[in-house]
């Protein structure tokens, strides 16, 4: 009798196990509770509500239906991270895992053309998905690290429904304006360059007696560099800047359609990237123009996005490519990016981790807002442990953020970039012979990357961690960081001595 009961139980378990496999692998048996996708307005409302109540939004913590809805409302393109690591070279069976994923997608979608791109260095692919059943099946796989919408335009939708501008700073961060500088905002130094007021506050001019950034290469991920500004081009070596190089790259596809290909070049069509390159490494020129922090450092600039907001497929993909390429560039020691998003993007996170694994010292903007995103703390990817998050503070302070800057526990350093007059940091304009002001956590980040170049140039044999520790030891709050402003302002003279 006991033996018969045992056999019956075994048959029951085998039967139910087979049925369970059937349900997982048979699209016809997949249970879907909600058939219709949420609207873009509903998706944005849920994202905003989550950030306000929990402090952060994550696709990983969202339901299958919510993720599928965002994929559906974002040109039906999804980004998938797979394998035990972000790095393909550390995953021997990466091709087999990728093929398994594609096989499941093809099974549920009923078509073969599903692969949009497969990253050469990362365990990451972009695919076409239309059915909710596909999302459910994929998220059950053990080898998938994340499944996210790859072309959902949060900021564009926010502007459409709430009248907010397309940016984490409530503007694109773009502008081709030129402004005459107030004489109180700079000091004229040899041979005839303008040193911004902030250089005195951070003891940068005195630090130049020890280091000018020579021999160090900074990678800049932004909107590119102006072809009209010769001091960031043919005259990059001018005045007391010599023996260095600037390399310009473009990895952004200017198209609303994810399937489009063909990068549109390295030239800045926004103005923001030009300002950042100027702040960190403009030459110590003889033309009466602003000088950068590390005026003898090399630059490798990337046009990775159209503006400061990483909203949509081609901008997020461009940033991912820039991080991996800079990670593989042995000459690059520092990477600076003054762009971001209010929630994480898996492929960018993988790119940041990849560059970090190659020994790069990464600086990212903590965030700048003036309207609807002022409820957000430190933005992505600055909040990542692999990145140093930088924010801007008011003159003569280390714990009073600028009027539009973000703060929070993830901030690592601050930079004084806002005066009582309201003026910010003098930089080169988009056009030759002209100047401008730029502010926010963006210029704070670029300036801090320049400071890191000064420290590393003084100590060329040091590791990333040694450079970082020296910067911390030379800052306001060392050894106990402030809860919202990290180690605070860096005394650059102390950092290079």
Protein backbone atom coordinates (compact mmCIF):
# COMPACT_ATOMS: atom_id res chain seq x y z
CA UNK A 1 0.00 0.00 0.00
CA UNK A 2 2.77 2.44 0.97
CA UNK A 3 4.64 1.55 -2.22
CA UNK A 4 1.56 2.31 -4.35
CA UNK A 5 1.11 5.69 -2.63
CA UNK A 6 4.79 6.46 -3.28
CA UNK A 7 4.44 5.68 -6.99
CA UNK A 8 1.29 7.80 -7.21
CA UNK A 9 3.10 10.75 -5.60
CA UNK A 10 6.05 10.37 -7.95
CA UNK A 11 3.73 10.36 -10.98
CA UNK A 12 2.01 13.48 -9.61
CA UNK A 13 5.32 15.36 -9.25
CA UNK A 14 6.51 14.30 -12.71
CA UNK A 15 3.19 15.32 -14.23
CA UNK A 16 3.11 18.73 -12.56
CA UNK A 17 6.79 19.36 -13.37
CA UNK A 18 6.17 18.61 -17.03
CA UNK A 19 3.14 20.90 -17.04
CA UNK A 20 5.20 23.67 -15.41
CA UNK A 21 7.87 23.41 -18.13
CA UNK A 22 5.09 23.40 -20.69
CA UNK A 23 3.68 26.63 -19.31
CA UNK A 24 7.07 28.33 -19.29
CA UNK A 25 7.98 27.34 -22.83
CA UNK A 26 4.64 27.37 -24.60
CA UNK A 27 3.38 30.84 -25.56
CA UNK A 28 -0.18 29.57 -25.86
CA UNK A 29 -0.26 28.60 -22.18
CA UNK A 30 1.33 31.79 -20.84
CA UNK A 31 -0.97 33.54 -18.39
CA UNK A 32 -1.24 37.30 -18.87
CA UNK A 33 -3.39 39.18 -16.40
CA UNK A 34 -3.42 42.64 -18.05
CA UNK A 35 -3.65 42.54 -21.84
CA UNK A 36 -3.38 46.24 -22.66
CA UNK A 37 -0.22 48.30 -22.05
CA UNK A 38 -0.25 51.32 -19.78
CA UNK A 39 -0.17 54.70 -21.46
CA UNK A 40 3.02 56.78 -21.42
CA UNK A 41 1.26 59.19 -19.06
CA UNK A 42 0.49 56.36 -16.62
CA UNK A 43 4.06 55.10 -16.83
CA UNK A 44 5.54 58.52 -16.06
CA UNK A 45 3.13 59.06 -13.18
CA UNK A 46 4.16 55.75 -11.62
CA UNK A 47 7.86 56.50 -12.04
CA UNK A 48 7.46 59.92 -10.41
CA UNK A 49 5.37 58.51 -7.58
CA UNK A 50 7.98 55.81 -6.90
CA UNK A 51 10.85 58.30 -6.79
CA UNK A 52 8.94 60.60 -4.45
CA UNK A 53 7.95 57.81 -2.05
CA UNK A 54 10.98 55.50 -2.25
CA UNK A 55 13.70 57.90 -3.37
CA UNK A 56 14.57 55.86 -6.47
CA UNK A 57 12.92 54.04 -9.36
CA UNK A 58 14.14 50.73 -10.78
CA UNK A 59 12.92 48.66 -13.71
CA UNK A 60 14.10 45.55 -11.86
CA UNK A 61 11.62 46.19 -9.07
CA UNK A 62 8.75 46.84 -11.47
CA UNK A 63 6.12 44.33 -12.57
CA UNK A 64 6.28 42.41 -15.85
CA UNK A 65 3.30 44.36 -17.13
CA UNK A 66 4.87 47.72 -16.26
CA UNK A 67 8.18 46.87 -17.96
CA UNK A 68 6.37 45.53 -21.02
CA UNK A 69 4.21 48.66 -21.18
CA UNK A 70 7.29 50.89 -21.27
CA UNK A 71 8.90 48.68 -23.92
CA UNK A 72 5.69 48.82 -25.95
CA UNK A 73 5.48 52.62 -25.62
CA UNK A 74 9.17 52.93 -26.54
CA UNK A 75 9.24 51.66 -30.11
CA UNK A 76 9.01 48.05 -28.80
CA UNK A 77 12.78 47.90 -28.21
CA UNK A 78 14.26 46.26 -25.10
CA UNK A 79 17.75 46.18 -23.60
CA UNK A 80 18.90 42.92 -22.01
CA UNK A 81 21.89 42.37 -19.76
CA UNK A 82 22.81 38.73 -19.26
CA UNK A 83 25.42 36.40 -17.80
CA UNK A 84 27.05 36.40 -14.39
CA UNK A 85 29.12 39.49 -15.28
CA UNK A 86 28.83 42.64 -17.39
CA UNK A 87 32.08 41.69 -19.14
CA UNK A 88 31.90 39.27 -22.10
CA UNK A 89 35.53 38.28 -21.64
CA UNK A 90 34.68 36.96 -18.17
CA UNK A 91 31.77 34.86 -19.45
CA UNK A 92 33.05 31.93 -21.56
CA UNK A 93 29.54 30.82 -22.55
CA UNK A 94 28.28 34.31 -23.44
CA UNK A 95 27.38 33.36 -27.02
CA UNK A 96 25.42 30.32 -25.90
CA UNK A 97 23.45 32.40 -23.39
CA UNK A 98 22.75 35.06 -26.02
CA UNK A 99 21.52 32.45 -28.49
CA UNK A 100 19.24 30.96 -25.83
CA UNK A 101 17.72 34.38 -25.14
CA UNK A 102 17.18 35.07 -28.84
CA UNK A 103 15.64 31.62 -29.30
CA UNK A 104 13.08 32.30 -26.58
CA UNK A 105 12.26 35.71 -28.03
CA UNK A 106 11.79 34.24 -31.49
CA UNK A 107 9.56 31.51 -30.04
CA UNK A 108 7.23 33.96 -28.32
CA UNK A 109 7.35 36.68 -30.94
CA UNK A 110 6.87 34.29 -33.85
CA UNK A 111 9.54 35.95 -35.99
CA UNK A 112 13.28 35.74 -36.54
CA UNK A 113 14.41 39.36 -36.90
CA UNK A 114 14.59 40.35 -33.25
CA UNK A 115 18.25 41.33 -32.65
CA UNK A 116 19.00 45.04 -33.00
CA UNK A 117 22.56 45.04 -31.64
CA UNK A 118 24.96 42.82 -29.69
CA UNK A 119 27.69 44.57 -27.71
CA UNK A 120 31.24 43.51 -28.46
CA UNK A 121 32.56 43.98 -24.92
CA UNK A 122 29.50 43.77 -22.68
CA UNK A 123 27.01 41.00 -22.02
CA UNK A 124 24.26 43.22 -23.43
CA UNK A 125 21.93 43.09 -26.42
CA UNK A 126 19.08 45.18 -27.78
CA UNK A 127 16.07 43.32 -29.16
CA UNK A 128 12.62 43.89 -30.62
CA UNK A 129 9.77 42.75 -28.36
CA UNK A 130 6.05 43.23 -28.83
CA UNK A 131 4.36 40.62 -26.63
CA UNK A 132 3.97 40.72 -22.86
CA UNK A 133 4.41 36.94 -22.80
CA UNK A 134 7.96 37.41 -24.07
CA UNK A 135 8.81 39.74 -21.20
CA UNK A 136 7.38 37.32 -18.64
CA UNK A 137 9.33 34.38 -20.05
CA UNK A 138 12.60 36.29 -20.25
CA UNK A 139 12.39 37.65 -16.70
CA UNK A 140 12.13 34.08 -15.43
CA UNK A 141 15.52 33.17 -16.91
CA UNK A 142 18.38 32.80 -14.43
CA UNK A 143 20.96 34.21 -16.86
CA UNK A 144 19.26 37.57 -17.34
CA UNK A 145 20.57 40.40 -15.15
CA UNK A 146 18.10 43.00 -16.40
CA UNK A 147 15.42 43.55 -19.00
CA UNK A 148 14.51 47.18 -19.65
CA UNK A 149 12.87 49.42 -22.23
CA UNK A 150 15.63 50.67 -24.52
CA UNK A 151 13.81 53.59 -26.13
CA UNK A 152 11.32 54.91 -23.59
CA UNK A 153 11.44 58.73 -23.61
CA UNK A 154 10.63 59.67 -20.03
CA UNK A 155 11.61 63.34 -20.35
CA UNK A 156 9.91 63.81 -23.68
CA UNK A 157 6.73 62.37 -22.21
CA UNK A 158 7.07 64.51 -19.09
CA UNK A 159 7.29 67.60 -21.26
CA UNK A 160 4.30 66.47 -23.29
CA UNK A 161 2.02 65.76 -20.34
CA UNK A 162 3.25 68.21 -17.71
CA UNK A 163 4.86 70.98 -19.70
CA UNK A 164 8.32 70.16 -18.33
CA UNK A 165 11.35 70.71 -20.53
CA UNK A 166 13.31 67.81 -21.93
CA UNK A 167 16.09 67.68 -19.38
CA UNK A 168 17.10 66.68 -15.91
CA UNK A 169 17.98 70.34 -15.54
CA UNK A 170 14.70 71.47 -17.06
CA UNK A 171 16.54 72.57 -20.16
CA UNK A 172 18.62 70.73 -22.69
CA UNK A 173 21.80 72.26 -21.26
CA UNK A 174 22.43 73.63 -24.75
CA UNK A 175 23.21 77.15 -25.86
CA UNK A 176 25.46 79.01 -28.27
CA UNK A 177 25.34 82.29 -26.40
CA UNK A 178 28.40 84.42 -25.81
CA UNK A 179 28.71 86.71 -22.79
CA UNK A 180 31.25 89.34 -21.93
CA UNK A 181 32.92 88.44 -18.64
CA UNK A 182 32.80 90.73 -15.62
CA UNK A 183 36.34 91.79 -14.65
CA UNK A 184 35.60 90.70 -11.09
CA UNK A 185 35.11 87.09 -12.23
CA UNK A 186 38.64 86.38 -13.42
CA UNK A 187 42.30 87.17 -12.87
CA UNK A 188 44.58 87.86 -15.83
CA UNK A 189 47.66 85.62 -15.74
CA UNK A 190 50.61 85.09 -18.07
CA UNK A 191 50.78 84.96 -21.01
CA UNK A 192 47.36 86.65 -21.30
CA UNK A 193 44.78 84.14 -20.06
CA UNK A 194 41.78 84.64 -17.82
CA UNK A 195 41.81 82.43 -14.70
CA UNK A 196 38.24 82.01 -13.36
CA UNK A 197 37.48 83.29 -9.85
CA UNK A 198 36.93 79.73 -8.62
CA UNK A 199 40.61 78.91 -9.23
CA UNK A 200 41.59 81.19 -6.38
CA UNK A 201 38.97 79.65 -4.11
CA UNK A 202 40.36 76.16 -4.73
CA UNK A 203 44.02 77.23 -4.76
CA UNK A 204 44.46 76.05 -8.34
CA UNK A 205 46.74 78.84 -9.59
CA UNK A 206 49.27 78.17 -6.82
CA UNK A 207 49.01 74.43 -7.54
CA UNK A 208 50.28 75.04 -11.09
CA UNK A 209 53.77 75.53 -9.64
CA UNK A 210 53.71 71.76 -9.00
CA UNK A 211 51.50 70.38 -11.78
CA UNK A 212 49.74 71.48 -14.96
CA UNK A 213 48.23 68.13 -15.97
CA UNK A 214 50.96 67.19 -18.44
CA UNK A 215 51.02 63.53 -19.42
CA UNK A 216 47.47 62.80 -18.26
CA UNK A 217 44.59 62.14 -20.65
CA UNK A 218 40.98 62.92 -19.72
CA UNK A 219 38.06 61.34 -21.56
CA UNK A 220 35.02 63.60 -21.91
CA UNK A 221 31.59 62.08 -22.58
CA UNK A 222 29.22 64.84 -23.61
CA UNK A 223 27.70 66.52 -26.67
CA UNK A 224 31.02 66.87 -28.51
CA UNK A 225 33.37 69.78 -29.06
CA UNK A 226 32.81 72.90 -31.17
CA UNK A 227 34.53 72.91 -34.57
CA UNK A 228 34.39 76.72 -34.35
CA UNK A 229 36.56 76.98 -31.21
CA UNK A 230 40.21 76.79 -32.27
CA UNK A 231 41.50 76.73 -28.67
CA UNK A 232 39.88 73.30 -28.47
CA UNK A 233 41.15 72.41 -31.91
CA UNK A 234 44.07 73.61 -34.00
CA UNK A 235 45.27 75.97 -31.22
CA UNK A 236 44.91 73.48 -28.36
CA UNK A 237 48.64 74.09 -27.85
CA UNK A 238 48.77 77.85 -27.34
CA UNK A 239 50.60 80.08 -24.91
CA UNK A 240 51.91 77.98 -22.01
CA UNK A 241 50.04 74.86 -23.16
CA UNK A 242 52.25 72.63 -25.27
CA UNK A 243 53.06 69.07 -26.28
CA UNK A 244 49.53 67.74 -25.83
CA UNK A 245 46.74 66.36 -27.98
CA UNK A 246 42.98 66.58 -28.38
CA UNK A 247 41.15 63.72 -30.07
CA UNK A 248 37.50 64.10 -31.10
CA UNK A 249 35.09 61.18 -31.57
CA UNK A 250 31.41 60.76 -32.38
CA UNK A 251 29.30 57.77 -31.33
CA UNK A 252 25.83 59.32 -31.49
CA UNK A 253 23.25 58.48 -34.15
CA UNK A 254 21.02 61.49 -34.83
CA UNK A 255 17.73 59.71 -35.47
CA UNK A 256 14.44 59.09 -33.71
CA UNK A 257 14.36 55.58 -35.16
CA UNK A 258 16.30 52.92 -33.15
CA UNK A 259 17.14 50.86 -36.22
CA UNK A 260 19.05 53.78 -37.78
CA UNK A 261 22.84 53.59 -37.94
CA UNK A 262 25.68 55.92 -38.83
CA UNK A 263 27.31 58.26 -36.31
CA UNK A 264 26.87 61.95 -37.05
CA UNK A 265 30.42 62.97 -36.13
CA UNK A 266 32.30 64.55 -33.20
CA UNK A 267 31.13 68.15 -33.60
CA UNK A 268 29.18 69.72 -30.74
CA UNK A 269 25.72 70.80 -31.87
CA UNK A 270 24.64 71.84 -28.38
CA UNK A 271 27.42 73.85 -26.76
CA UNK A 272 27.48 71.94 -23.47
CA UNK A 273 30.37 69.63 -24.35
CA UNK A 274 32.46 72.59 -25.49
CA UNK A 275 31.96 74.28 -22.11
CA UNK A 276 32.98 71.14 -20.23
CA UNK A 277 36.14 70.64 -22.29
CA UNK A 278 37.00 74.30 -21.72
CA UNK A 279 36.50 74.13 -17.95
CA UNK A 280 38.80 71.16 -17.53
CA UNK A 281 41.57 71.79 -20.06
CA UNK A 282 41.34 74.99 -22.15
CA UNK A 283 44.88 76.21 -22.94
CA UNK A 284 46.71 78.79 -20.87
CA UNK A 285 46.49 81.01 -23.89
CA UNK A 286 47.85 84.39 -25.01
CA UNK A 287 44.52 85.48 -26.51
CA UNK A 288 42.78 86.83 -23.42
CA UNK A 289 40.48 83.81 -23.14
CA UNK A 290 39.56 81.60 -20.11
CA UNK A 291 41.99 78.84 -19.14
CA UNK A 292 41.03 75.36 -17.90
CA UNK A 293 42.05 73.66 -14.66
CA UNK A 294 44.51 71.19 -16.25
CA UNK A 295 45.84 73.32 -19.09
CA UNK A 296 48.48 70.82 -20.18
CA UNK A 297 46.33 67.66 -20.04
CA UNK A 298 45.32 65.73 -23.14
CA UNK A 299 41.64 65.38 -24.07
CA UNK A 300 39.69 62.61 -25.78
CA UNK A 301 36.19 63.97 -26.38
CA UNK A 302 33.10 61.99 -27.32
CA UNK A 303 29.89 63.25 -28.85
CA UNK A 304 27.66 60.60 -27.26
CA UNK A 305 24.34 62.45 -27.00
CA UNK A 306 22.53 65.47 -28.40
CA UNK A 307 22.22 67.18 -25.00
CA UNK A 308 22.62 66.57 -21.27
CA UNK A 309 19.63 64.24 -20.89
CA UNK A 310 20.15 60.59 -21.77
CA UNK A 311 16.62 60.13 -23.01
CA UNK A 312 16.08 57.43 -25.62
CA UNK A 313 17.90 54.73 -27.51
CA UNK A 314 20.66 56.52 -29.38
CA UNK A 315 21.76 58.73 -26.48
CA UNK A 316 21.91 55.85 -24.02
CA UNK A 317 23.65 53.66 -26.57
CA UNK A 318 26.14 56.40 -27.42
CA UNK A 319 27.11 56.83 -23.77
CA UNK A 320 27.53 53.07 -23.35
CA UNK A 321 29.84 52.94 -26.38
CA UNK A 322 31.84 55.94 -25.15
CA UNK A 323 32.45 54.35 -21.74
CA UNK A 324 33.59 51.05 -23.26
CA UNK A 325 35.85 52.71 -25.83
CA UNK A 326 37.41 54.97 -23.19
CA UNK A 327 37.77 51.94 -20.94
CA UNK A 328 39.78 50.25 -23.68
CA UNK A 329 41.92 53.33 -24.34
CA UNK A 330 45.09 52.73 -22.35
CA UNK A 331 46.09 56.39 -22.56
CA UNK A 332 42.97 57.57 -20.72
CA UNK A 333 43.16 57.75 -16.93
CA UNK A 334 40.13 59.92 -16.11
CA UNK A 335 36.58 59.99 -17.50
CA UNK A 336 34.23 62.93 -16.94
CA UNK A 337 30.53 62.97 -17.82
CA UNK A 338 28.22 65.87 -16.99
CA UNK A 339 25.05 64.18 -18.23
CA UNK A 340 22.64 61.69 -16.70
CA UNK A 341 19.17 60.38 -15.98
CA UNK A 342 16.89 60.28 -12.93
CA UNK A 343 16.78 56.46 -12.95
CA UNK A 344 19.28 53.78 -13.88
CA UNK A 345 19.94 52.54 -17.40
CA UNK A 346 21.33 49.00 -17.44
CA UNK A 347 23.55 49.33 -20.51
CA UNK A 348 25.12 52.56 -19.19
CA UNK A 349 25.64 50.93 -15.81
CA UNK A 350 27.46 48.10 -17.58
CA UNK A 351 29.58 50.62 -19.50
CA UNK A 352 30.55 52.47 -16.32
CA UNK A 353 31.50 49.21 -14.60
CA UNK A 354 33.52 48.17 -17.63
CA UNK A 355 35.52 51.42 -17.67
CA UNK A 356 36.00 51.20 -13.90
CA UNK A 357 37.30 47.64 -14.24
CA UNK A 358 40.00 49.04 -16.55
CA UNK A 359 41.28 51.35 -13.81
CA UNK A 360 39.61 54.59 -14.90
CA UNK A 361 38.79 57.32 -12.38
CA UNK A 362 35.22 58.36 -13.23
CA UNK A 363 33.51 61.66 -12.36
CA UNK A 364 29.77 62.20 -12.95
CA UNK A 365 27.47 65.16 -12.34
CA UNK A 366 25.26 64.86 -9.26
CA UNK A 367 22.37 66.62 -10.99
CA UNK A 368 21.01 70.06 -11.85
CA UNK A 369 17.31 71.01 -11.76
CA UNK A 370 15.06 74.02 -11.72
CA UNK A 371 11.55 72.55 -11.85
CA UNK A 372 9.90 69.14 -12.00
CA UNK A 373 12.97 67.04 -11.16
CA UNK A 374 13.86 69.01 -8.05
CA UNK A 375 12.38 66.13 -6.03
CA UNK A 376 15.23 63.92 -7.26
CA UNK A 377 18.41 63.43 -5.25
CA UNK A 378 21.72 62.51 -6.83
CA UNK A 379 21.10 61.32 -10.40
CA UNK A 380 22.33 58.30 -12.34
CA UNK A 381 25.09 57.29 -13.00
CA UNK A 382 26.66 59.59 -10.39
CA UNK A 383 25.09 57.56 -7.59
CA UNK A 384 27.02 54.42 -8.65
CA UNK A 385 29.85 53.33 -6.36
CA UNK A 386 32.15 53.21 -9.40
CA UNK A 387 31.66 56.94 -10.02
CA UNK A 388 32.62 60.03 -8.05
CA UNK A 389 29.52 62.23 -7.77
CA UNK A 390 30.19 65.96 -7.92
CA UNK A 391 27.91 68.90 -7.18
CA UNK A 392 28.28 72.67 -7.21
CA UNK A 393 28.21 74.92 -4.14
CA UNK A 394 28.09 78.64 -3.53
CA UNK A 395 31.19 80.77 -3.16
CA UNK A 396 32.99 80.47 0.20
CA UNK A 397 30.86 77.47 1.25
CA UNK A 398 31.20 73.70 1.11
CA UNK A 399 27.68 72.77 2.21
CA UNK A 400 25.40 75.27 0.46
CA UNK A 401 24.48 73.87 -2.93
CA UNK A 402 24.03 76.16 -5.88
CA UNK A 403 20.45 77.23 -6.57
CA UNK A 404 19.91 74.49 -9.17
CA UNK A 405 22.28 71.79 -7.90
CA UNK A 406 21.42 68.44 -6.33
CA UNK A 407 22.90 67.06 -3.12
CA UNK A 408 22.69 63.80 -1.21
CA UNK A 409 24.58 61.00 0.50
CA UNK A 410 26.19 59.84 -2.76
CA UNK A 411 28.02 63.15 -3.35
CA UNK A 412 31.81 62.75 -3.08
CA UNK A 413 33.17 66.26 -3.74
CA UNK A 414 31.96 69.82 -4.24
CA UNK A 415 33.23 72.71 -6.33
CA UNK A 416 32.51 76.42 -5.80
CA UNK A 417 30.79 77.60 -8.97
CA UNK A 418 28.14 80.15 -7.93
CA UNK A 419 28.89 83.71 -6.79
CA UNK A 420 26.73 86.03 -4.70
CA UNK A 421 26.24 88.00 -7.91
CA UNK A 422 24.72 84.89 -9.48
CA UNK A 423 27.59 84.54 -11.94
CA UNK A 424 29.12 81.10 -12.48
CA UNK A 425 32.32 79.89 -14.17
CA UNK A 426 33.94 81.71 -17.14
CA UNK A 427 34.64 79.37 -20.09
CA UNK A 428 35.38 79.49 -23.79
CA UNK A 429 32.35 80.12 -25.97
CA UNK A 430 31.29 77.88 -28.83
CA UNK A 431 32.83 80.50 -31.13
CA UNK A 432 36.39 81.80 -31.43
CA UNK A 433 37.31 84.91 -29.48
CA UNK A 434 34.16 84.77 -27.37
CA UNK A 435 33.43 83.82 -23.78
CA UNK A 436 30.54 82.54 -21.70
CA UNK A 437 29.51 81.46 -18.20
CA UNK A 438 28.47 77.93 -17.28
CA UNK A 439 27.16 76.58 -13.96
CA UNK A 440 25.49 73.69 -12.18
CA UNK A 441 26.90 70.32 -11.22
CA UNK A 442 28.10 70.02 -14.84
CA UNK A 443 30.94 72.52 -14.57
CA UNK A 444 31.67 71.34 -11.02
CA UNK A 445 32.25 67.85 -12.42
CA UNK A 446 34.44 68.95 -15.33
CA UNK A 447 36.53 71.14 -13.01
CA UNK A 448 37.01 68.32 -10.51
CA UNK A 449 38.13 66.00 -13.32
CA UNK A 450 40.73 68.64 -14.15
CA UNK A 451 41.85 68.68 -10.51
CA UNK A 452 42.30 64.90 -10.63
CA UNK A 453 44.50 65.34 -13.71
CA UNK A 454 46.73 67.75 -11.79
CA UNK A 455 47.13 65.25 -8.94
CA UNK A 456 47.82 62.32 -11.27
CA UNK A 457 50.27 64.34 -13.35
CA UNK A 458 52.24 65.15 -10.21
CA UNK A 459 52.26 61.45 -9.27
CA UNK A 460 52.27 59.51 -12.57
CA UNK A 461 52.99 56.13 -10.97
CA UNK A 462 49.98 56.32 -8.65
CA UNK A 463 46.88 54.17 -8.95
CA UNK A 464 43.35 55.53 -9.21
CA UNK A 465 42.77 54.90 -5.50
CA UNK A 466 45.92 56.76 -4.49
CA UNK A 467 44.87 59.79 -6.53
CA UNK A 468 41.39 59.66 -5.05
CA UNK A 469 42.68 59.34 -1.49
CA UNK A 470 44.94 62.37 -1.96
CA UNK A 471 41.97 64.40 -3.20
CA UNK A 472 39.95 63.34 -0.15
CA UNK A 473 42.76 64.15 2.25
CA UNK A 474 42.97 67.66 0.74
CA UNK A 475 39.26 68.40 1.06
CA UNK A 476 37.14 70.21 3.65
CA UNK A 477 35.55 67.33 5.55
CA UNK A 478 38.31 64.74 5.57
CA UNK A 479 38.33 62.22 7.24
CA UNK A 480 34.57 62.28 7.94
CA UNK A 481 32.50 63.14 4.88
CA UNK A 482 29.45 65.38 5.16
CA UNK A 483 26.13 63.54 4.84
CA UNK A 484 25.08 65.56 1.75
CA UNK A 485 28.32 67.01 0.36
CA UNK A 486 30.90 64.27 0.70
CA UNK A 487 34.44 65.48 1.34
CA UNK A 488 33.55 68.99 0.20
CA UNK A 489 35.86 71.43 -1.59
CA UNK A 490 39.37 70.36 -2.58
CA UNK A 491 42.41 72.50 -1.72
CA UNK A 492 44.28 71.75 -4.93
CA UNK A 493 47.62 73.15 -3.78
CA UNK A 494 47.55 70.74 -0.86
CA UNK A 495 46.53 67.92 -3.19
CA UNK A 496 49.59 68.33 -5.44
CA UNK A 497 52.20 68.95 -2.75
